[in-house]
N, C-alpha and C. Protein backbone atom coordinates (compact mmCIF):
# COMPACT_ATOMS: atom_id res chain seq x y z
N MET A 1 5.35 -0.39 8.40
CA MET A 1 5.18 -0.56 9.47
C MET A 1 4.86 -1.52 9.74
N HIS A 2 4.79 -1.70 11.60
CA HIS A 2 4.74 -3.08 11.74
C HIS A 2 2.89 -3.75 11.56
N GLY A 3 2.62 -4.69 12.63
CA GLY A 3 0.96 -5.32 12.20
C GLY A 3 0.68 -5.10 13.58
N PHE A 4 0.21 -5.67 14.24
CA PHE A 4 -0.64 -6.24 15.96
C PHE A 4 0.18 -6.45 16.09
N LEU A 5 0.54 -5.97 16.92
CA LEU A 5 1.77 -6.46 18.31
C LEU A 5 3.03 -6.74 18.27
N ASP A 6 3.07 -6.38 16.73
CA ASP A 6 4.29 -6.82 16.64
C ASP A 6 5.70 -5.65 17.10
N ALA A 7 6.64 -5.46 16.23
CA ALA A 7 7.18 -4.72 16.55
C ALA A 7 8.09 -3.56 14.89
N GLY A 8 8.75 -3.27 15.32
CA GLY A 8 9.62 -2.59 13.96
C GLY A 8 10.74 -3.90 13.17
N ARG A 9 10.73 -4.46 13.90
CA ARG A 9 11.84 -5.55 14.03
C ARG A 9 11.81 -6.51 12.82
N VAL A 10 10.13 -6.83 12.66
CA VAL A 10 9.03 -7.72 12.22
C VAL A 10 10.17 -7.38 10.06
N TRP A 11 10.63 -6.44 10.17
CA TRP A 11 11.20 -6.32 8.84
C TRP A 11 12.55 -6.52 9.26
N ASP A 12 13.66 -6.71 9.98
CA ASP A 12 14.77 -6.59 9.55
C ASP A 12 15.41 -7.39 8.72
N THR A 13 14.57 -8.45 8.31
CA THR A 13 15.02 -9.62 7.23
C THR A 13 14.82 -9.22 5.52
N VAL A 14 14.15 -8.14 6.05
CA VAL A 14 12.85 -7.93 4.24
C VAL A 14 13.78 -6.73 4.36
N ALA A 15 14.30 -5.81 5.19
CA ALA A 15 15.20 -4.42 5.64
C ALA A 15 16.17 -4.82 4.73
N VAL A 16 17.19 -6.10 5.08
CA VAL A 16 18.19 -6.99 4.67
C VAL A 16 18.64 -6.31 3.02
N GLU A 17 17.23 -7.51 2.74
CA GLU A 17 17.04 -7.52 0.94
C GLU A 17 17.28 -6.45 0.31
N LEU A 18 17.06 -5.58 1.16
CA LEU A 18 16.34 -4.46 0.56
C LEU A 18 16.96 -3.34 0.40
N ARG A 19 18.40 -3.56 1.20
CA ARG A 19 18.88 -2.42 1.78
C ARG A 19 19.98 -1.60 -0.28
N THR A 20 20.33 -1.08 -0.09
CA THR A 20 20.22 0.18 -1.04
C THR A 20 21.56 1.73 -1.03
N PRO A 21 22.71 1.10 -1.55
CA PRO A 21 23.16 2.43 -1.76
C PRO A 21 22.61 3.45 -1.43
N GLY A 22 22.51 4.26 -0.40
CA GLY A 22 21.92 5.69 -0.62
C GLY A 22 21.03 5.87 0.20
N VAL A 23 20.41 4.21 0.38
CA VAL A 23 18.80 4.97 0.99
C VAL A 23 18.79 4.29 2.69
N LYS A 24 18.30 5.00 3.36
CA LYS A 24 18.11 4.13 4.77
C LYS A 24 16.74 3.94 5.14
N GLY A 25 17.14 2.43 5.63
CA GLY A 25 15.22 1.91 5.74
C GLY A 25 15.55 2.36 7.46
N LEU A 26 14.01 2.40 7.68
CA LEU A 26 13.35 3.06 9.18
C LEU A 26 12.63 2.32 8.83
N ALA A 27 12.26 1.14 10.62
CA ALA A 27 11.46 0.06 11.02
C ALA A 27 11.00 0.95 12.10
N LEU A 28 10.01 1.84 12.68
CA LEU A 28 9.84 2.66 13.77
C LEU A 28 8.71 1.53 15.07
N ASP A 29 9.18 1.72 15.81
CA ASP A 29 7.70 0.74 16.23
C ASP A 29 6.56 1.29 16.96
N LEU A 30 5.50 0.91 16.83
CA LEU A 30 4.02 2.38 17.05
C LEU A 30 4.23 2.17 18.43
N PRO A 31 3.75 3.70 19.13
CA PRO A 31 3.28 3.48 20.22
C PRO A 31 2.48 2.79 20.80
N GLY A 32 2.82 1.65 22.19
CA GLY A 32 2.29 0.88 22.43
C GLY A 32 2.80 -0.89 22.47
N CYS A 33 3.87 -0.93 20.90
CA CYS A 33 4.72 -2.30 20.32
C CYS A 33 5.75 -2.40 20.65
N GLY A 34 6.42 -2.78 20.68
CA GLY A 34 8.35 -3.41 21.01
C GLY A 34 9.13 -2.71 21.57
N ASP A 35 9.80 -1.22 21.45
CA ASP A 35 10.15 -0.74 22.59
C ASP A 35 9.49 0.22 23.22
N ARG A 36 8.14 0.78 22.47
CA ARG A 36 7.27 1.75 23.03
C ARG A 36 5.86 1.12 23.93
N ALA A 37 6.91 -0.27 24.12
CA ALA A 37 5.55 -0.93 24.41
C ALA A 37 5.05 -0.35 26.01
N ASP A 38 5.50 0.64 27.11
CA ASP A 38 5.16 1.36 27.27
C ASP A 38 4.05 2.71 28.03
N HIS A 39 4.89 2.96 26.04
CA HIS A 39 3.06 4.03 26.04
C HIS A 39 2.36 4.39 26.53
N PRO A 40 2.09 5.15 26.72
CA PRO A 40 0.10 4.62 27.62
C PRO A 40 -1.04 5.09 27.57
N GLY A 41 -1.21 5.54 25.15
CA GLY A 41 -1.69 5.32 24.83
C GLY A 41 -2.96 6.47 24.72
N PRO A 42 -3.84 6.34 24.29
CA PRO A 42 -4.89 5.47 23.81
C PRO A 42 -4.41 5.82 21.91
N PHE A 43 -5.01 4.21 21.69
CA PHE A 43 -4.50 3.87 20.20
C PHE A 43 -5.44 4.04 19.59
N THR A 44 -5.37 4.81 19.15
CA THR A 44 -6.58 5.47 17.62
C THR A 44 -6.48 5.19 16.13
N LEU A 45 -6.84 5.26 15.68
CA LEU A 45 -5.95 5.34 14.11
C LEU A 45 -5.52 6.91 13.93
N ARG A 46 -6.11 7.52 14.96
CA ARG A 46 -5.61 8.93 14.20
C ARG A 46 -4.33 9.59 15.25
N SER A 47 -3.70 8.62 16.74
CA SER A 47 -2.54 9.14 17.67
C SER A 47 -1.40 8.24 16.47
N LEU A 48 -1.88 7.48 16.11
CA LEU A 48 -0.88 6.48 15.22
C LEU A 48 -0.50 7.56 13.73
N VAL A 49 -1.64 7.70 12.95
CA VAL A 49 -1.10 8.55 11.86
C VAL A 49 0.04 9.59 12.94
N ALA A 50 -1.00 9.79 13.60
CA ALA A 50 -0.36 11.54 14.01
C ALA A 50 1.80 10.84 14.27
N ASP A 51 1.56 10.27 15.41
CA ASP A 51 2.54 9.27 15.68
C ASP A 51 4.00 9.51 14.02
N VAL A 52 3.08 8.60 12.76
CA VAL A 52 3.38 8.43 12.22
C VAL A 52 4.43 9.34 11.50
N VAL A 53 3.40 10.60 11.57
CA VAL A 53 3.76 12.08 10.27
C VAL A 53 4.75 12.73 11.53
N SER A 54 5.05 12.48 12.56
CA SER A 54 6.34 12.93 13.35
C SER A 54 7.28 12.57 12.99
N ALA A 55 7.61 10.93 13.14
CA ALA A 55 8.44 10.53 12.96
C ALA A 55 9.50 10.66 11.28
N LEU A 56 8.09 11.65 10.03
CA LEU A 56 8.74 11.29 9.37
C LEU A 56 8.68 13.25 9.06
N ASP A 57 8.83 13.55 10.51
CA ASP A 57 9.19 15.18 10.04
C ASP A 57 10.38 16.04 10.13
N ASP A 58 10.99 14.64 10.36
CA ASP A 58 12.67 13.84 11.06
C ASP A 58 13.38 13.81 10.01
N ILE A 59 12.97 13.41 8.98
CA ILE A 59 13.12 13.22 7.81
C ILE A 59 13.19 13.73 6.80
N ALA A 60 14.29 13.77 6.04
CA ALA A 60 14.60 15.35 5.08
C ALA A 60 14.34 15.26 4.05
N SER A 61 14.52 13.58 3.65
CA SER A 61 14.63 13.20 2.27
C SER A 61 13.52 12.34 2.04
N PRO A 62 12.85 11.93 0.24
CA PRO A 62 11.46 11.20 0.28
C PRO A 62 11.72 9.55 0.80
N VAL A 63 10.40 9.31 1.37
CA VAL A 63 10.03 8.41 2.45
C VAL A 63 8.98 7.71 1.59
N LEU A 64 8.96 6.20 1.27
CA LEU A 64 8.31 5.10 0.40
C LEU A 64 7.86 4.70 2.02
N LEU A 65 6.43 5.02 2.89
CA LEU A 65 6.74 3.82 3.63
C LEU A 65 5.21 2.64 3.47
N VAL A 66 5.54 1.84 4.08
CA VAL A 66 4.85 0.41 3.88
C VAL A 66 4.86 -0.16 4.79
N GLY A 67 3.59 -1.17 4.79
CA GLY A 67 2.72 -1.65 5.70
C GLY A 67 1.90 -3.02 5.91
N GLN A 68 2.32 -3.33 6.79
CA GLN A 68 1.59 -4.79 6.79
C GLN A 68 0.61 -4.95 8.61
N SER A 69 -0.81 -5.46 8.25
CA SER A 69 -1.55 -5.47 9.07
C SER A 69 -1.84 -4.91 9.36
N ARG A 70 -2.03 -4.35 11.02
CA ARG A 70 -2.34 -2.96 11.64
C ARG A 70 -1.85 -2.54 11.48
N GLY A 71 -0.61 -1.94 10.48
CA GLY A 71 0.18 -1.08 10.28
C GLY A 71 0.21 -0.84 8.45
N THR A 72 -0.69 -1.05 8.24
CA THR A 72 -1.12 -0.89 7.24
C THR A 72 -1.85 1.09 7.46
N PRO A 73 -2.98 0.83 7.65
CA PRO A 73 -3.50 1.76 8.10
C PRO A 73 -3.06 3.48 8.05
N SER A 74 -1.79 3.55 8.50
CA SER A 74 -1.49 4.63 9.14
C SER A 74 -0.48 4.96 8.99
N PRO A 75 -0.16 4.63 7.10
CA PRO A 75 0.16 5.65 5.72
C PRO A 75 -0.95 5.71 5.12
N ASN A 76 -1.57 4.97 5.28
CA ASN A 76 -2.98 5.16 4.51
C ASN A 76 -3.84 6.31 4.52
N SER A 77 -3.34 6.72 5.66
CA SER A 77 -3.86 7.39 6.25
C SER A 77 -3.14 8.99 7.14
N SER A 78 -2.30 8.76 5.83
CA SER A 78 -1.34 10.15 6.30
C SER A 78 -1.49 11.60 6.10
N PRO A 79 -2.21 12.10 6.25
CA PRO A 79 -2.53 13.94 6.45
C PRO A 79 -1.78 13.92 4.08
N PRO A 80 -2.31 14.43 3.39
CA PRO A 80 -1.34 14.60 2.03
C PRO A 80 -0.45 15.45 2.36
N ARG A 81 -0.25 16.50 3.01
CA ARG A 81 1.55 16.80 3.23
C ARG A 81 2.29 15.62 3.51
N ALA A 82 2.47 14.98 4.45
CA ALA A 82 3.01 13.83 4.13
C ALA A 82 2.75 12.49 3.16
N ARG A 83 2.01 12.10 2.45
CA ARG A 83 1.76 11.78 1.21
C ARG A 83 2.68 12.29 0.58
N SER A 84 2.29 13.50 -0.26
CA SER A 84 3.35 13.96 -0.88
C SER A 84 5.15 14.38 -0.47
N ARG A 85 5.16 13.47 0.12
CA ARG A 85 7.18 13.45 1.17
C ARG A 85 7.46 12.10 -0.17
């Protein structure tokens, strides 16, 4: 998860370094940022967490969430059903 006013693309260099066969990397744009800059909001921790969990629901394999700066609370605040994945 990217930081405040960043976008998923801030992870591009890191993603290249972490590339592993059989593992898919995904750098989301949180609502209001990057390709989703026109999202109307409101931008609360609850809405950001719901957005991340919704994205996880589309992924069948185990997930490791990584965040920096403002992106850190979203993975840390995810509900237990998301954390168990």
